Amino acid sequence: MRYIEFGIGNKWLIRTETELNDGTEFEVRGIVRPIQFQSAYIRIWIRKTVLIIDLKQGLKVTKKNRNEFKIIFGIVSL
């Protein structure tokens, strides 16, 4: 899976995170093509609470161990 993200709070303003089948992941600056659209989401991370609004999965609220502030728009791709 590939996650193409735009927003503040990550290392880069625009980045692509690739998750491999073995569970490892890596990120690169910019957009990696081709894009096979699967879903879109908005992630708002304030302190340890993360609010995710996803087109396929709906609304989800999770807790994380670290304090962050992020506002991200993302696209899920194959």
PDB file of N, CA and C in Angstrom:
ATOM      1  N   MET A   1       0.844  -1.175   0.000  1.00  0.00           N
ATOM      2  CA  MET A   1       0.000   0.000   0.000  1.00  0.00           C
ATOM      3  C   MET A   1       0.892   1.241   0.000  1.00  0.00           C
ATOM      4  N   ARG A   2       0.365   2.277  -0.596  1.00  0.00           N
ATOM      5  CA  ARG A   2       1.040   3.564  -0.619  1.00  0.00           C
ATOM      6  C   ARG A   2       0.124   4.613  -0.031  1.00  0.00           C
ATOM      7  N   TYR A   3       0.685   5.483   0.778  1.00  0.00           N
ATOM      8  CA  TYR A   3      -0.062   6.580   1.380  1.00  0.00           C
ATOM      9  C   TYR A   3       0.596   7.883   0.942  1.00  0.00           C
ATOM     10  N   ILE A   4      -0.109   8.649   0.136  1.00  0.00           N
ATOM     11  CA  ILE A   4       0.400   9.925  -0.344  1.00  0.00           C
ATOM     12  C   ILE A   4      -0.240  10.999   0.525  1.00  0.00           C
ATOM     13  N   GLU A   5       0.593  11.757   1.241  1.00  0.00           N
ATOM     14  CA  GLU A   5       0.081  12.692   2.238  1.00  0.00           C
ATOM     15  C   GLU A   5       0.533  14.119   1.966  1.00  0.00           C
ATOM     16  N   PHE A   6      -0.390  15.058   2.211  1.00  0.00           N
ATOM     17  CA  PHE A   6      -0.145  16.490   2.061  1.00  0.00           C
ATOM     18  C   PHE A   6      -0.539  17.141   3.385  1.00  0.00           C
ATOM     19  N   GLY A   7       0.320  17.952   3.954  1.00  0.00           N
ATOM     20  CA  GLY A   7      -0.083  18.654   5.168  1.00  0.00           C
ATOM     21  C   GLY A   7       1.073  18.972   6.082  1.00  0.00           C
ATOM     22  N   ILE A   8       0.734  19.514   7.247  1.00  0.00           N
ATOM     23  CA  ILE A   8       1.750  19.903   8.221  1.00  0.00           C
ATOM     24  C   ILE A   8       1.849  18.849   9.313  1.00  0.00           C
ATOM     25  N   GLY A   9       3.061  18.696   9.820  1.00  0.00           N
ATOM     26  CA  GLY A   9       3.302  17.772  10.916  1.00  0.00           C
ATOM     27  C   GLY A   9       4.204  16.612  10.546  1.00  0.00           C
ATOM     28  N   ASN A  10       4.319  16.309   9.268  1.00  0.00           N
ATOM     29  CA  ASN A  10       5.226  15.261   8.822  1.00  0.00           C
ATOM     30  C   ASN A  10       6.601  15.864   8.536  1.00  0.00           C
ATOM     31  N   LYS A  11       7.534  15.000   8.195  1.00  0.00           N
ATOM     32  CA  LYS A  11       8.895  15.436   7.876  1.00  0.00           C
ATOM     33  C   LYS A  11       8.903  16.357   6.657  1.00  0.00           C
ATOM     34  N   TRP A  12       8.067  16.044   5.646  1.00  0.00           N
ATOM     35  CA  TRP A  12       7.965  16.847   4.437  1.00  0.00           C
ATOM     36  C   TRP A  12       6.518  17.264   4.223  1.00  0.00           C
ATOM     37  N   LEU A  13       6.299  18.360   3.522  1.00  0.00           N
ATOM     38  CA  LEU A  13       4.946  18.845   3.245  1.00  0.00           C
ATOM     39  C   LEU A  13       4.172  17.852   2.366  1.00  0.00           C
ATOM     40  N   ILE A  14       4.851  17.257   1.391  1.00  0.00           N
ATOM     41  CA  ILE A  14       4.256  16.218   0.542  1.00  0.00           C
ATOM     42  C   ILE A  14       5.172  15.008   0.611  1.00  0.00           C
ATOM     43  N   ARG A  15       4.591  13.860   0.966  1.00  0.00           N
ATOM     44  CA  ARG A  15       5.409  12.657   1.074  1.00  0.00           C
ATOM     45  C   ARG A  15       4.609  11.439   0.650  1.00  0.00           C
ATOM     46  N   THR A  16       5.309  10.373   0.307  1.00  0.00           N
ATOM     47  CA  THR A  16       4.689   9.085   0.004  1.00  0.00           C
ATOM     48  C   THR A  16       5.298   8.053   0.938  1.00  0.00           C
ATOM     49  N   GLU A  17       4.434   7.377   1.683  1.00  0.00           N
ATOM     50  CA  GLU A  17       4.868   6.294   2.562  1.00  0.00           C
ATOM     51  C   GLU A  17       4.440   4.983   1.919  1.00  0.00           C
ATOM     52  N   THR A  18       5.380   4.067   1.759  1.00  0.00           N
ATOM     53  CA  THR A  18       5.103   2.774   1.154  1.00  0.00           C
ATOM     54  C   THR A  18       5.214   1.704   2.217  1.00  0.00           C
ATOM     55  N   GLU A  19       4.176   0.875   2.299  1.00  0.00           N
ATOM     56  CA  GLU A  19       4.142  -0.234   3.255  1.00  0.00           C
ATOM     57  C   GLU A  19       4.275  -1.522   2.458  1.00  0.00           C
ATOM     58  N   LEU A  20       5.323  -2.292   2.748  1.00  0.00           N
ATOM     59  CA  LEU A  20       5.589  -3.523   2.012  1.00  0.00           C
ATOM     60  C   LEU A  20       4.834  -4.693   2.633  1.00  0.00           C
ATOM     61  N   ASN A  21       4.753  -5.811   1.905  1.00  0.00           N
ATOM     62  CA  ASN A  21       4.015  -6.992   2.371  1.00  0.00           C
ATOM     63  C   ASN A  21       4.572  -7.579   3.658  1.00  0.00           C
ATOM     64  N   ASP A  22       5.872  -7.427   3.904  1.00  0.00           N
ATOM     65  CA  ASP A  22       6.475  -7.986   5.116  1.00  0.00           C
ATOM     66  C   ASP A  22       6.291  -7.087   6.341  1.00  0.00           C
ATOM     67  N   GLY A  23       5.567  -5.975   6.181  1.00  0.00           N
ATOM     68  CA  GLY A  23       5.286  -5.086   7.310  1.00  0.00           C
ATOM     69  C   GLY A  23       6.228  -3.908   7.435  1.00  0.00           C
ATOM     70  N   THR A  24       7.322  -3.910   6.689  1.00  0.00           N
ATOM     71  CA  THR A  24       8.238  -2.775   6.746  1.00  0.00           C
ATOM     72  C   THR A  24       7.669  -1.624   5.941  1.00  0.00           C
ATOM     73  N   GLU A  25       8.111  -0.440   6.265  1.00  0.00           N
ATOM     74  CA  GLU A  25       7.645   0.736   5.545  1.00  0.00           C
ATOM     75  C   GLU A  25       8.772   1.740   5.402  1.00  0.00           C
ATOM     76  N   PHE A  26       8.659   2.577   4.372  1.00  0.00           N
ATOM     77  CA  PHE A  26       9.633   3.646   4.164  1.00  0.00           C
ATOM     78  C   PHE A  26       8.910   4.822   3.538  1.00  0.00           C
ATOM     79  N   GLU A  27       9.495   6.000   3.680  1.00  0.00           N
ATOM     80  CA  GLU A  27       8.883   7.206   3.127  1.00  0.00           C
ATOM     81  C   GLU A  27       9.875   7.946   2.252  1.00  0.00           C
ATOM     82  N   VAL A  28       9.337   8.623   1.240  1.00  0.00           N
ATOM     83  CA  VAL A  28      10.144   9.439   0.348  1.00  0.00           C
ATOM     84  C   VAL A  28       9.451  10.778   0.154  1.00  0.00           C
ATOM     85  N   ARG A  29      10.224  11.770  -0.162  1.00  0.00           N
ATOM     86  CA  ARG A  29       9.684  13.107  -0.398  1.00  0.00           C
ATOM     87  C   ARG A  29       8.987  13.158  -1.749  1.00  0.00           C
ATOM     88  N   GLY A  30       7.821  13.789  -1.789  1.00  0.00           N
ATOM     89  CA  GLY A  30       7.088  13.945  -3.038  1.00  0.00           C
ATOM     90  C   GLY A  30       6.089  12.834  -3.277  1.00  0.00           C
ATOM     91  N   ILE A  31       5.649  12.733  -4.529  1.00  0.00           N
ATOM     92  CA  ILE A  31       4.627  11.772  -4.925  1.00  0.00           C
ATOM     93  C   ILE A  31       5.264  10.687  -5.779  1.00  0.00           C
ATOM     94  N   VAL A  32       5.025   9.431  -5.394  1.00  0.00           N
ATOM     95  CA  VAL A  32       5.513   8.292  -6.167  1.00  0.00           C
ATOM     96  C   VAL A  32       4.356   7.793  -7.029  1.00  0.00           C
ATOM     97  N   ARG A  33       4.586   7.708  -8.320  1.00  0.00           N
ATOM     98  CA  ARG A  33       3.561   7.255  -9.268  1.00  0.00           C
ATOM     99  C   ARG A  33       3.841   5.822  -9.671  1.00  0.00           C
ATOM    100  N   PRO A  34       2.902   5.089 -10.204  1.00  0.00           N
ATOM    101  CA  PRO A  34       1.537   5.448 -10.550  1.00  0.00           C
ATOM    102  C   PRO A  34       0.638   5.429  -9.313  1.00  0.00           C
ATOM    103  N   ILE A  35      -0.467   6.154  -9.391  1.00  0.00           N
ATOM    104  CA  ILE A  35      -1.428   6.210  -8.300  1.00  0.00           C
ATOM    105  C   ILE A  35      -2.655   5.402  -8.707  1.00  0.00           C
ATOM    106  N   GLN A  36      -2.979   4.395  -7.909  1.00  0.00           N
ATOM    107  CA  GLN A  36      -4.197   3.612  -8.101  1.00  0.00           C
ATOM    108  C   GLN A  36      -5.098   3.913  -6.912  1.00  0.00           C
ATOM    109  N   PHE A  37      -5.980   4.878  -7.077  1.00  0.00           N
ATOM    110  CA  PHE A  37      -6.803   5.395  -5.983  1.00  0.00           C
ATOM    111  C   PHE A  37      -7.614   4.292  -5.313  1.00  0.00           C
ATOM    112  N   GLN A  38      -7.515   4.216  -3.984  1.00  0.00           N
ATOM    113  CA  GLN A  38      -8.299   3.285  -3.186  1.00  0.00           C
ATOM    114  C   GLN A  38      -9.226   4.021  -2.223  1.00  0.00           C
ATOM    115  N   SER A  39      -8.707   5.089  -1.606  1.00  0.00           N
ATOM    116  CA  SER A  39      -9.480   5.845  -0.626  1.00  0.00           C
ATOM    117  C   SER A  39      -8.787   7.183  -0.380  1.00  0.00           C
ATOM    118  N   ALA A  40      -9.490   8.072   0.316  1.00  0.00           N
ATOM    119  CA  ALA A  40      -8.916   9.354   0.740  1.00  0.00           C
ATOM    120  C   ALA A  40      -9.266   9.549   2.205  1.00  0.00           C
ATOM    121  N   TYR A  41      -8.429  10.274   2.916  1.00  0.00           N
ATOM    122  CA  TYR A  41      -8.664  10.487   4.339  1.00  0.00           C
ATOM    123  C   TYR A  41      -8.119  11.832   4.788  1.00  0.00           C
ATOM    124  N   ILE A  42      -8.640  12.272   5.919  1.00  0.00           N
ATOM    125  CA  ILE A  42      -8.120  13.438   6.630  1.00  0.00           C
ATOM    126  C   ILE A  42      -7.744  12.953   8.020  1.00  0.00           C
ATOM    127  N   ARG A  43      -6.531  13.268   8.440  1.00  0.00           N
ATOM    128  CA  ARG A  43      -6.072  12.875   9.771  1.00  0.00           C
ATOM    129  C   ARG A  43      -5.729  14.132  10.559  1.00  0.00           C
ATOM    130  N   ILE A  44      -6.346  14.281  11.713  1.00  0.00           N
ATOM    131  CA  ILE A  44      -6.070  15.400  12.602  1.00  0.00           C
ATOM    132  C   ILE A  44      -5.535  14.818  13.903  1.00  0.00           C
ATOM    133  N   TRP A  45      -4.296  15.144  14.214  1.00  0.00           N
ATOM    134  CA  TRP A  45      -3.612  14.589  15.374  1.00  0.00           C
ATOM    135  C   TRP A  45      -3.308  15.745  16.318  1.00  0.00           C
ATOM    136  N   ILE A  46      -3.963  15.747  17.475  1.00  0.00           N
ATOM    137  CA  ILE A  46      -3.744  16.768  18.491  1.00  0.00           C
ATOM    138  C   ILE A  46      -3.336  16.066  19.773  1.00  0.00           C
ATOM    139  N   ARG A  47      -2.099  16.328  20.178  1.00  0.00           N
ATOM    140  CA  ARG A  47      -1.489  15.680  21.338  1.00  0.00           C
ATOM    141  C   ARG A  47      -1.492  14.169  21.145  1.00  0.00           C
ATOM    142  N   LYS A  48      -2.192  13.406  21.961  1.00  0.00           N
ATOM    143  CA  LYS A  48      -2.195  11.946  21.833  1.00  0.00           C
ATOM    144  C   LYS A  48      -3.458  11.398  21.177  1.00  0.00           C
ATOM    145  N   THR A  49      -4.347  12.272  20.756  1.00  0.00           N
ATOM    146  CA  THR A  49      -5.609  11.855  20.135  1.00  0.00           C
ATOM    147  C   THR A  49      -5.540  12.069  18.621  1.00  0.00           C
ATOM    148  N   VAL A  50      -5.917  11.038  17.880  1.00  0.00           N
ATOM    149  CA  VAL A  50      -5.901  11.093  16.423  1.00  0.00           C
ATOM    150  C   VAL A  50      -7.320  10.857  15.911  1.00  0.00           C
ATOM    151  N   LEU A  51      -7.829  11.806  15.140  1.00  0.00           N
ATOM    152  CA  LEU A  51      -9.133  11.703  14.503  1.00  0.00           C
ATOM    153  C   LEU A  51      -8.895  11.444  13.023  1.00  0.00           C
ATOM    154  N   ILE A  52      -9.462  10.340  12.508  1.00  0.00           N
ATOM    155  CA  ILE A  52      -9.285   9.976  11.108  1.00  0.00           C
ATOM    156  C   ILE A  52     -10.660   9.889  10.461  1.00  0.00           C
ATOM    157  N   ILE A  53     -10.836  10.629   9.365  1.00  0.00           N
ATOM    158  CA  ILE A  53     -12.067  10.574   8.590  1.00  0.00           C
ATOM    159  C   ILE A  53     -11.686   9.993   7.235  1.00  0.00           C
ATOM    160  N   ASP A  54     -12.134   8.758   6.974  1.00  0.00           N
ATOM    161  CA  ASP A  54     -11.761   8.016   5.779  1.00  0.00           C
ATOM    162  C   ASP A  54     -12.999   7.744   4.931  1.00  0.00           C
ATOM    163  N   LEU A  55     -12.872   7.839   3.606  1.00  0.00           N
ATOM    164  CA  LEU A  55     -13.997   7.586   2.714  1.00  0.00           C
ATOM    165  C   LEU A  55     -14.505   6.146   2.803  1.00  0.00           C
ATOM    166  N   LYS A  56     -13.608   5.184   2.995  1.00  0.00           N
ATOM    167  CA  LYS A  56     -14.013   3.775   3.053  1.00  0.00           C
ATOM    168  C   LYS A  56     -14.314   3.309   4.472  1.00  0.00           C
ATOM    169  N   GLN A  57     -13.493   3.720   5.442  1.00  0.00           N
ATOM    170  CA  GLN A  57     -13.620   3.207   6.802  1.00  0.00           C
ATOM    171  C   GLN A  57     -14.441   4.105   7.720  1.00  0.00           C
ATOM    172  N   GLY A  58     -14.783   5.289   7.267  1.00  0.00           N
ATOM    173  CA  GLY A  58     -15.584   6.198   8.087  1.00  0.00           C
ATOM    174  C   GLY A  58     -14.759   6.932   9.125  1.00  0.00           C
ATOM    175  N   LEU A  59     -15.370   7.214  10.263  1.00  0.00           N
ATOM    176  CA  LEU A  59     -14.747   7.984  11.344  1.00  0.00           C
ATOM    177  C   LEU A  59     -14.090   7.049  12.341  1.00  0.00           C
ATOM    178  N   LYS A  60     -12.857   7.393  12.740  1.00  0.00           N
ATOM    179  CA  LYS A  60     -12.135   6.588  13.711  1.00  0.00           C
ATOM    180  C   LYS A  60     -11.351   7.521  14.625  1.00  0.00           C
ATOM    181  N   VAL A  61     -11.379   7.256  15.919  1.00  0.00           N
ATOM    182  CA  VAL A  61     -10.604   8.019  16.893  1.00  0.00           C
ATOM    183  C   VAL A  61      -9.684   7.036  17.602  1.00  0.00           C
ATOM    184  N   THR A  62      -8.372   7.347  17.629  1.00  0.00           N
ATOM    185  CA  THR A  62      -7.407   6.482  18.295  1.00  0.00           C
ATOM    186  C   THR A  62      -6.527   7.302  19.222  1.00  0.00           C
ATOM    187  N   LYS A  63      -5.814   6.618  20.084  1.00  0.00           N
ATOM    188  CA  LYS A  63      -4.850   7.234  20.992  1.00  0.00           C
ATOM    189  C   LYS A  63      -3.460   6.732  20.626  1.00  0.00           C
ATOM    190  N   LYS A  64      -2.482   7.615  20.726  1.00  0.00           N
ATOM    191  CA  LYS A  64      -1.083   7.270  20.473  1.00  0.00           C
ATOM    192  C   LYS A  64      -0.263   7.566  21.720  1.00  0.00           C
ATOM    193  N   ASN A  65       0.960   7.076  21.757  1.00  0.00           N
ATOM    194  CA  ASN A  65       1.825   7.262  22.924  1.00  0.00           C
ATOM    195  C   ASN A  65       2.551   8.598  22.938  1.00  0.00           C
ATOM    196  N   ARG A  66       2.727   9.218  21.772  1.00  0.00           N
ATOM    197  CA  ARG A  66       3.514  10.451  21.725  1.00  0.00           C
ATOM    198  C   ARG A  66       2.640  11.659  21.400  1.00  0.00           C
ATOM    199  N   ASN A  67       3.072  12.816  21.855  1.00  0.00           N
ATOM    200  CA  ASN A  67       2.378  14.073  21.585  1.00  0.00           C
ATOM    201  C   ASN A  67       2.805  14.609  20.226  1.00  0.00           C
ATOM    202  N   GLU A  68       1.833  14.912  19.377  1.00  0.00           N
ATOM    203  CA  GLU A  68       2.094  15.464  18.049  1.00  0.00           C
ATOM    204  C   GLU A  68       1.000  16.460  17.705  1.00  0.00           C
ATOM    205  N   PHE A  69       1.253  17.264  16.674  1.00  0.00           N
ATOM    206  CA  PHE A  69       0.217  18.086  16.054  1.00  0.00           C
ATOM    207  C   PHE A  69       0.371  17.933  14.554  1.00  0.00           C
ATOM    208  N   LYS A  70      -0.650  17.348  13.910  1.00  0.00           N
ATOM    209  CA  LYS A  70      -0.607  17.138  12.464  1.00  0.00           C
ATOM    210  C   LYS A  70      -1.999  17.379  11.888  1.00  0.00           C
ATOM    211  N   ILE A  71      -2.024  17.957  10.705  1.00  0.00           N
ATOM    212  CA  ILE A  71      -3.241  18.029   9.901  1.00  0.00           C
ATOM    213  C   ILE A  71      -2.843  17.542   8.508  1.00  0.00           C
ATOM    214  N   ILE A  72      -3.378  16.383   8.134  1.00  0.00           N
ATOM    215  CA  ILE A  72      -2.930  15.698   6.921  1.00  0.00           C
ATOM    216  C   ILE A  72      -4.122  15.316   6.047  1.00  0.00           C
ATOM    217  N   PHE A  73      -3.996  15.541   4.745  1.00  0.00           N
ATOM    218  CA  PHE A  73      -4.917  14.985   3.765  1.00  0.00           C
ATOM    219  C   PHE A  73      -4.149  13.892   3.050  1.00  0.00           C
ATOM    220  N   GLY A  74      -4.736  12.705   2.931  1.00  0.00           N
ATOM    221  CA  GLY A  74      -4.008  11.599   2.336  1.00  0.00           C
ATOM    222  C   GLY A  74      -4.828  10.830   1.330  1.00  0.00           C
ATOM    223  N   ILE A  75      -4.114  10.155   0.445  1.00  0.00           N
ATOM    224  CA  ILE A  75      -4.708   9.269  -0.562  1.00  0.00           C
ATOM    225  C   ILE A  75      -4.078   7.891  -0.378  1.00  0.00           C
ATOM    226  N   VAL A  76      -4.921   6.862  -0.344  1.00  0.00           N
ATOM    227  CA  VAL A  76      -4.446   5.482  -0.253  1.00  0.00           C
ATOM    228  C   VAL A  76      -4.397   4.927  -1.668  1.00  0.00           C
ATOM    229  N   SER A  77      -3.255   4.322  -2.016  1.00  0.00           N
ATOM    230  CA  SER A  77      -3.044   3.778  -3.350  1.00  0.00           C
ATOM    231  C   SER A  77      -2.448   2.388  -3.244  1.00  0.00           C
ATOM    232  N   LEU A  78      -2.605   1.605  -4.293  1.00  0.00           N
ATOM    233  CA  LEU A  78      -1.952   0.289  -4.337  1.00  0.00           C
ATOM    234  C   LEU A  78      -0.543   0.409  -4.844  1.00  0.00           C
TER     235      LEU A  78
END
